[in-house]
Each structure stands twice: as structure tokens, then as C-alpha cells.
PDB file of all heavy atoms in Angstrom:
ATOM      1  N   PHE A   1       9.948  -4.216 -18.630  1.00  0.00           N
ATOM      2  CA  PHE A   1       8.861  -3.451 -18.005  1.00  0.00           C
ATOM      3  C   PHE A   1       7.995  -4.347 -17.127  1.00  0.00           C
ATOM      4  O   PHE A   1       7.640  -3.974 -16.010  1.00  0.00           O
ATOM      5  CB  PHE A   1       8.025  -2.740 -19.071  1.00  0.00           C
ATOM      6  CG  PHE A   1       8.824  -1.742 -19.858  1.00  0.00           C
ATOM      7  CD1 PHE A   1       9.173  -2.021 -21.175  1.00  0.00           C
ATOM      8  CD2 PHE A   1       9.252  -0.554 -19.284  1.00  0.00           C
ATOM      9  CE1 PHE A   1       9.939  -1.120 -21.900  1.00  0.00           C
ATOM     10  CE2 PHE A   1      10.013   0.356 -20.009  1.00  0.00           C
ATOM     11  CZ  PHE A   1      10.360   0.077 -21.317  1.00  0.00           C
ATOM     12  N   GLN A   2       7.680  -5.533 -17.628  1.00  0.00           N
ATOM     13  CA  GLN A   2       6.910  -6.475 -16.815  1.00  0.00           C
ATOM     14  C   GLN A   2       7.735  -6.965 -15.627  1.00  0.00           C
ATOM     15  O   GLN A   2       7.214  -7.138 -14.524  1.00  0.00           O
ATOM     16  CB  GLN A   2       6.451  -7.657 -17.666  1.00  0.00           C
ATOM     17  CG  GLN A   2       5.403  -7.274 -18.674  1.00  0.00           C
ATOM     18  CD  GLN A   2       5.005  -8.444 -19.554  1.00  0.00           C
ATOM     19  OE1 GLN A   2       5.504  -9.573 -19.416  1.00  0.00           O
ATOM     20  NE2 GLN A   2       4.099  -8.192 -20.484  1.00  0.00           N
ATOM     21  N   ARG A   3       9.026  -7.188 -15.853  1.00  0.00           N
ATOM     22  CA  ARG A   3       9.916  -7.628 -14.779  1.00  0.00           C
ATOM     23  C   ARG A   3       9.997  -6.560 -13.688  1.00  0.00           C
ATOM     24  O   ARG A   3      10.009  -6.871 -12.501  1.00  0.00           O
ATOM     25  CB  ARG A   3      11.294  -7.952 -15.343  1.00  0.00           C
ATOM     26  CG  ARG A   3      12.155  -8.741 -14.402  1.00  0.00           C
ATOM     27  CD  ARG A   3      13.423  -9.254 -15.052  1.00  0.00           C
ATOM     28  NE  ARG A   3      14.190  -8.211 -15.695  1.00  0.00           N
ATOM     29  CZ  ARG A   3      14.478  -8.171 -16.995  1.00  0.00           C
ATOM     30  NH1 ARG A   3      14.061  -9.111 -17.806  1.00  0.00           N
ATOM     31  NH2 ARG A   3      15.204  -7.188 -17.490  1.00  0.00           N
ATOM     32  N   ALA A   4       9.997  -5.288 -14.057  1.00  0.00           N
ATOM     33  CA  ALA A   4      10.024  -4.197 -13.078  1.00  0.00           C
ATOM     34  C   ALA A   4       8.782  -4.237 -12.189  1.00  0.00           C
ATOM     35  O   ALA A   4       8.869  -3.980 -10.983  1.00  0.00           O
ATOM     36  CB  ALA A   4      10.142  -2.856 -13.781  1.00  0.00           C
ATOM     37  N   GLU A   5       7.634  -4.593 -12.779  1.00  0.00           N
ATOM     38  CA  GLU A   5       6.416  -4.737 -11.974  1.00  0.00           C
ATOM     39  C   GLU A   5       6.590  -5.831 -10.925  1.00  0.00           C
ATOM     40  O   GLU A   5       6.165  -5.681  -9.775  1.00  0.00           O
ATOM     41  CB  GLU A   5       5.222  -5.069 -12.867  1.00  0.00           C
ATOM     42  CG  GLU A   5       4.765  -3.943 -13.753  1.00  0.00           C
ATOM     43  CD  GLU A   5       3.625  -4.372 -14.674  1.00  0.00           C
ATOM     44  OE1 GLU A   5       2.917  -5.361 -14.375  1.00  0.00           O
ATOM     45  OE2 GLU A   5       3.456  -3.718 -15.721  1.00  0.00           O
ATOM     46  N   LEU A   6       7.208  -6.939 -11.326  1.00  0.00           N
ATOM     47  CA  LEU A   6       7.465  -8.031 -10.384  1.00  0.00           C
ATOM     48  C   LEU A   6       8.349  -7.548  -9.247  1.00  0.00           C
ATOM     49  O   LEU A   6       8.061  -7.803  -8.071  1.00  0.00           O
ATOM     50  CB  LEU A   6       8.120  -9.215 -11.091  1.00  0.00           C
ATOM     51  CG  LEU A   6       8.661 -10.303 -10.158  1.00  0.00           C
ATOM     52  CD1 LEU A   6       7.534 -11.042  -9.470  1.00  0.00           C
ATOM     53  CD2 LEU A   6       9.561 -11.257 -10.919  1.00  0.00           C
ATOM     54  N   TRP A   7       9.454  -6.862  -9.570  1.00  0.00           N
ATOM     55  CA  TRP A   7      10.361  -6.374  -8.534  1.00  0.00           C
ATOM     56  C   TRP A   7       9.626  -5.438  -7.579  1.00  0.00           C
ATOM     57  O   TRP A   7       9.821  -5.513  -6.360  1.00  0.00           O
ATOM     58  CB  TRP A   7      11.568  -5.668  -9.149  1.00  0.00           C
ATOM     59  CG  TRP A   7      12.565  -6.624  -9.722  1.00  0.00           C
ATOM     60  CD1 TRP A   7      12.889  -6.765 -11.033  1.00  0.00           C
ATOM     61  CD2 TRP A   7      13.351  -7.593  -9.013  1.00  0.00           C
ATOM     62  NE1 TRP A   7      13.837  -7.757 -11.187  1.00  0.00           N
ATOM     63  CE2 TRP A   7      14.131  -8.281  -9.959  1.00  0.00           C
ATOM     64  CE3 TRP A   7      13.462  -7.946  -7.676  1.00  0.00           C
ATOM     65  CZ2 TRP A   7      15.019  -9.296  -9.607  1.00  0.00           C
ATOM     66  CZ3 TRP A   7      14.347  -8.961  -7.330  1.00  0.00           C
ATOM     67  CH2 TRP A   7      15.110  -9.620  -8.290  1.00  0.00           C
ATOM     68  N   ASN A   8       8.774  -4.564  -8.107  1.00  0.00           N
ATOM     69  CA  ASN A   8       7.998  -3.666  -7.247  1.00  0.00           C
ATOM     70  C   ASN A   8       7.081  -4.458  -6.319  1.00  0.00           C
ATOM     71  O   ASN A   8       6.975  -4.157  -5.131  1.00  0.00           O
ATOM     72  CB  ASN A   8       7.176  -2.676  -8.085  1.00  0.00           C
ATOM     73  CG  ASN A   8       8.045  -1.648  -8.766  1.00  0.00           C
ATOM     74  OD1 ASN A   8       9.162  -1.367  -8.345  1.00  0.00           O
ATOM     75  ND2 ASN A   8       7.545  -1.096  -9.861  1.00  0.00           N
ATOM     76  N   ASP A   9       6.418  -5.482  -6.860  1.00  0.00           N
ATOM     77  CA  ASP A   9       5.544  -6.324  -6.039  1.00  0.00           C
ATOM     78  C   ASP A   9       6.330  -7.059  -4.955  1.00  0.00           C
ATOM     79  O   ASP A   9       5.888  -7.149  -3.804  1.00  0.00           O
ATOM     80  CB  ASP A   9       4.793  -7.338  -6.907  1.00  0.00           C
ATOM     81  CG  ASP A   9       3.763  -6.690  -7.817  1.00  0.00           C
ATOM     82  OD1 ASP A   9       3.417  -5.500  -7.609  1.00  0.00           O
ATOM     83  OD2 ASP A   9       3.304  -7.380  -8.758  1.00  0.00           O
ATOM     84  N   LEU A  10       7.506  -7.575  -5.300  1.00  0.00           N
ATOM     85  CA  LEU A  10       8.332  -8.275  -4.308  1.00  0.00           C
ATOM     86  C   LEU A  10       8.824  -7.318  -3.229  1.00  0.00           C
ATOM     87  O   LEU A  10       8.866  -7.680  -2.042  1.00  0.00           O
ATOM     88  CB  LEU A  10       9.503  -8.983  -4.983  1.00  0.00           C
ATOM     89  CG  LEU A  10       9.155 -10.197  -5.846  1.00  0.00           C
ATOM     90  CD1 LEU A  10      10.391 -10.704  -6.587  1.00  0.00           C
ATOM     91  CD2 LEU A  10       8.516 -11.298  -5.016  1.00  0.00           C
ATOM     92  N   GLU A  11       9.199  -6.100  -3.604  1.00  0.00           N
ATOM     93  CA  GLU A  11       9.623  -5.106  -2.615  1.00  0.00           C
ATOM     94  C   GLU A  11       8.480  -4.755  -1.671  1.00  0.00           C
ATOM     95  O   GLU A  11       8.680  -4.639  -0.458  1.00  0.00           O
ATOM     96  CB  GLU A  11      10.158  -3.848  -3.299  1.00  0.00           C
ATOM     97  CG  GLU A  11      11.513  -4.056  -3.937  1.00  0.00           C
ATOM     98  CD  GLU A  11      11.979  -2.850  -4.745  1.00  0.00           C
ATOM     99  OE1 GLU A  11      11.274  -1.816  -4.784  1.00  0.00           O
ATOM    100  OE2 GLU A  11      13.061  -2.953  -5.349  1.00  0.00           O
ATOM    101  N   GLU A  12       7.285  -4.608  -2.209  1.00  0.00           N
ATOM    102  CA  GLU A  12       6.120  -4.319  -1.372  1.00  0.00           C
ATOM    103  C   GLU A  12       5.838  -5.477  -0.420  1.00  0.00           C
ATOM    104  O   GLU A  12       5.556  -5.279   0.761  1.00  0.00           O
ATOM    105  CB  GLU A  12       4.901  -4.046  -2.259  1.00  0.00           C
ATOM    106  CG  GLU A  12       3.683  -3.610  -1.483  1.00  0.00           C
ATOM    107  CD  GLU A  12       2.519  -3.268  -2.405  1.00  0.00           C
ATOM    108  OE1 GLU A  12       2.751  -2.564  -3.414  1.00  0.00           O
ATOM    109  OE2 GLU A  12       1.393  -3.708  -2.102  1.00  0.00           O
ATOM    110  N   THR A  13       5.936  -6.687  -0.926  1.00  0.00           N
ATOM    111  CA  THR A  13       5.749  -7.874  -0.086  1.00  0.00           C
ATOM    112  C   THR A  13       6.793  -7.909   1.029  1.00  0.00           C
ATOM    113  O   THR A  13       6.465  -8.193   2.188  1.00  0.00           O
ATOM    114  CB  THR A  13       5.835  -9.156  -0.941  1.00  0.00           C
ATOM    115  OG1 THR A  13       4.800  -9.122  -1.918  1.00  0.00           O
ATOM    116  CG2 THR A  13       5.700 -10.403  -0.094  1.00  0.00           C
ATOM    117  N   ALA A  14       8.034  -7.608   0.699  1.00  0.00           N
ATOM    118  CA  ALA A  14       9.118  -7.633   1.691  1.00  0.00           C
ATOM    119  C   ALA A  14       8.851  -6.649   2.826  1.00  0.00           C
ATOM    120  O   ALA A  14       9.127  -6.954   3.993  1.00  0.00           O
ATOM    121  CB  ALA A  14      10.452  -7.319   1.026  1.00  0.00           C
ATOM    122  N   ARG A  15       8.305  -5.487   2.500  1.00  0.00           N
ATOM    123  CA  ARG A  15       8.036  -4.477   3.543  1.00  0.00           C
ATOM    124  C   ARG A  15       7.005  -4.954   4.556  1.00  0.00           C
ATOM    125  O   ARG A  15       7.043  -4.553   5.711  1.00  0.00           O
ATOM    126  CB  ARG A  15       7.573  -3.166   2.905  1.00  0.00           C
ATOM    127  CG  ARG A  15       8.707  -2.360   2.289  1.00  0.00           C
ATOM    128  CD  ARG A  15       8.263  -0.957   1.915  1.00  0.00           C
ATOM    129  NE  ARG A  15       7.397  -0.929   0.738  1.00  0.00           N
ATOM    130  CZ  ARG A  15       7.826  -0.909  -0.512  1.00  0.00           C
ATOM    131  NH1 ARG A  15       9.116  -0.925  -0.760  1.00  0.00           N
ATOM    132  NH2 ARG A  15       6.973  -0.875  -1.511  1.00  0.00           N
ATOM    133  N   SER A  16       6.079  -5.802   4.121  1.00  0.00           N
ATOM    134  CA  SER A  16       5.019  -6.242   5.027  1.00  0.00           C
ATOM    135  C   SER A  16       5.210  -7.671   5.539  1.00  0.00           C
ATOM    136  O   SER A  16       4.370  -8.177   6.272  1.00  0.00           O
ATOM    137  CB  SER A  16       3.666  -6.126   4.320  1.00  0.00           C
ATOM    138  OG  SER A  16       3.624  -6.982   3.200  1.00  0.00           O
ATOM    139  N   MET A  17       6.313  -8.307   5.173  1.00  0.00           N
ATOM    140  CA  MET A  17       6.527  -9.711   5.521  1.00  0.00           C
ATOM    141  C   MET A  17       6.819  -9.869   7.011  1.00  0.00           C
ATOM    142  O   MET A  17       7.694  -9.201   7.548  1.00  0.00           O
ATOM    143  CB  MET A  17       7.685 -10.284   4.690  1.00  0.00           C
ATOM    144  CG  MET A  17       7.871 -11.774   4.838  1.00  0.00           C
ATOM    145  SD  MET A  17       6.428 -12.780   4.415  1.00  0.00           S
ATOM    146  CE  MET A  17       6.173 -12.359   2.712  1.00  0.00           C
ATOM    147  N   GLU A  18       6.079 -10.764   7.648  1.00  0.00           N
ATOM    148  CA  GLU A  18       6.278 -11.035   9.078  1.00  0.00           C
ATOM    149  C   GLU A  18       6.702 -12.472   9.346  1.00  0.00           C
ATOM    150  O   GLU A  18       7.002 -12.821  10.473  1.00  0.00           O
ATOM    151  CB  GLU A  18       4.992 -10.709   9.838  1.00  0.00           C
ATOM    152  CG  GLU A  18       4.628  -9.236   9.759  1.00  0.00           C
ATOM    153  CD  GLU A  18       3.332  -8.907  10.477  1.00  0.00           C
ATOM    154  OE1 GLU A  18       2.677  -9.834  11.005  1.00  0.00           O
ATOM    155  OE2 GLU A  18       2.968  -7.718  10.492  1.00  0.00           O
ATOM    156  N   LYS A  19       6.714 -13.295   8.324  1.00  0.00           N
ATOM    157  CA  LYS A  19       7.085 -14.701   8.464  1.00  0.00           C
ATOM    158  C   LYS A  19       8.368 -14.951   7.693  1.00  0.00           C
ATOM    159  O   LYS A  19       8.749 -14.157   6.837  1.00  0.00           O
ATOM    160  CB  LYS A  19       5.976 -15.603   7.902  1.00  0.00           C
ATOM    161  CG  LYS A  19       4.681 -15.518   8.661  1.00  0.00           C
ATOM    162  CD  LYS A  19       3.647 -16.444   8.064  1.00  0.00           C
ATOM    163  CE  LYS A  19       2.356 -16.318   8.869  1.00  0.00           C
ATOM    164  NZ  LYS A  19       1.332 -17.221   8.375  1.00  0.00           N
ATOM    165  N   PRO A  20       9.038 -16.068   7.959  1.00  0.00           N
ATOM    166  CA  PRO A  20      10.173 -16.438   7.104  1.00  0.00           C
ATOM    167  C   PRO A  20       9.700 -16.525   5.653  1.00  0.00           C
ATOM    168  O   PRO A  20       8.575 -16.968   5.381  1.00  0.00           O
ATOM    169  CB  PRO A  20      10.589 -17.808   7.630  1.00  0.00           C
ATOM    170  CG  PRO A  20      10.072 -17.858   9.034  1.00  0.00           C
ATOM    171  CD  PRO A  20       8.815 -17.039   9.028  1.00  0.00           C
ATOM    172  N   TRP A  21      10.583 -16.108   4.734  1.00  0.00           N
ATOM    173  CA  TRP A  21      10.177 -15.977   3.333  1.00  0.00           C
ATOM    174  C   TRP A  21      11.299 -16.471   2.431  1.00  0.00           C
ATOM    175  O   TRP A  21      12.440 -16.048   2.559  1.00  0.00           O
ATOM    176  CB  TRP A  21       9.869 -14.512   3.062  1.00  0.00           C
ATOM    177  CG  TRP A  21       9.392 -14.146   1.698  1.00  0.00           C
ATOM    178  CD1 TRP A  21       8.623 -14.891   0.847  1.00  0.00           C
ATOM    179  CD2 TRP A  21       9.626 -12.908   1.023  1.00  0.00           C
ATOM    180  NE1 TRP A  21       8.359 -14.197  -0.303  1.00  0.00           N
ATOM    181  CE2 TRP A  21       8.962 -12.955  -0.219  1.00  0.00           C
ATOM    182  CE3 TRP A  21      10.318 -11.749   1.355  1.00  0.00           C
ATOM    183  CZ2 TRP A  21       8.983 -11.917  -1.124  1.00  0.00           C
ATOM    184  CZ3 TRP A  21      10.335 -10.716   0.448  1.00  0.00           C
ATOM    185  CH2 TRP A  21       9.669 -10.797  -0.779  1.00  0.00           C
ATOM    186  N   LEU A  22      10.950 -17.346   1.506  1.00  0.00           N
ATOM    187  CA  LEU A  22      11.887 -17.823   0.494  1.00  0.00           C
ATOM    188  C   LEU A  22      11.402 -17.370  -0.871  1.00  0.00           C
ATOM    189  O   LEU A  22      10.245 -17.617  -1.229  1.00  0.00           O
ATOM    190  CB  LEU A  22      11.991 -19.355   0.521  1.00  0.00           C
ATOM    191  CG  LEU A  22      12.804 -20.007  -0.600  1.00  0.00           C
ATOM    192  CD1 LEU A  22      14.277 -19.600  -0.516  1.00  0.00           C
ATOM    193  CD2 LEU A  22      12.650 -21.514  -0.558  1.00  0.00           C
ATOM    194  N   VAL A  23      12.274 -16.688  -1.602  1.00  0.00           N
ATOM    195  CA  VAL A  23      11.988 -16.286  -2.974  1.00  0.00           C
ATOM    196  C   VAL A  23      12.932 -17.104  -3.849  1.00  0.00           C
ATOM    197  O   VAL A  23      14.148 -17.008  -3.705  1.00  0.00           O
ATOM    198  CB  VAL A  23      12.220 -14.772  -3.187  1.00  0.00           C
ATOM    199  CG1 VAL A  23      11.883 -14.380  -4.618  1.00  0.00           C
ATOM    200  CG2 VAL A  23      11.406 -13.956  -2.192  1.00  0.00           C
ATOM    201  N   ALA A  24      12.363 -17.932  -4.731  1.00  0.00           N
ATOM    202  CA  ALA A  24      13.190 -18.828  -5.542  1.00  0.00           C
ATOM    203  C   ALA A  24      12.644 -18.879  -6.954  1.00  0.00           C
ATOM    204  O   ALA A  24      11.437 -18.780  -7.163  1.00  0.00           O
ATOM    205  CB  ALA A  24      13.176 -20.236  -4.936  1.00  0.00           C
TER     206      ALA A  24
END
């Protein structure tokens, strides 16, 4: 459930990302 919150936050970030982005 907590991991799902992270995925939602990352998806939201991806939609607004305008710079190169590394997720590691």
C-alpha cells in the first residue's frame, strides 16, 4: 500500500517532468 503511493507520486512527477530524469 505504501509502495503504491510511491508509484503514484512517481507517475505524477513523470507527467510534469521537463528535465532529464534518473530514477534509481
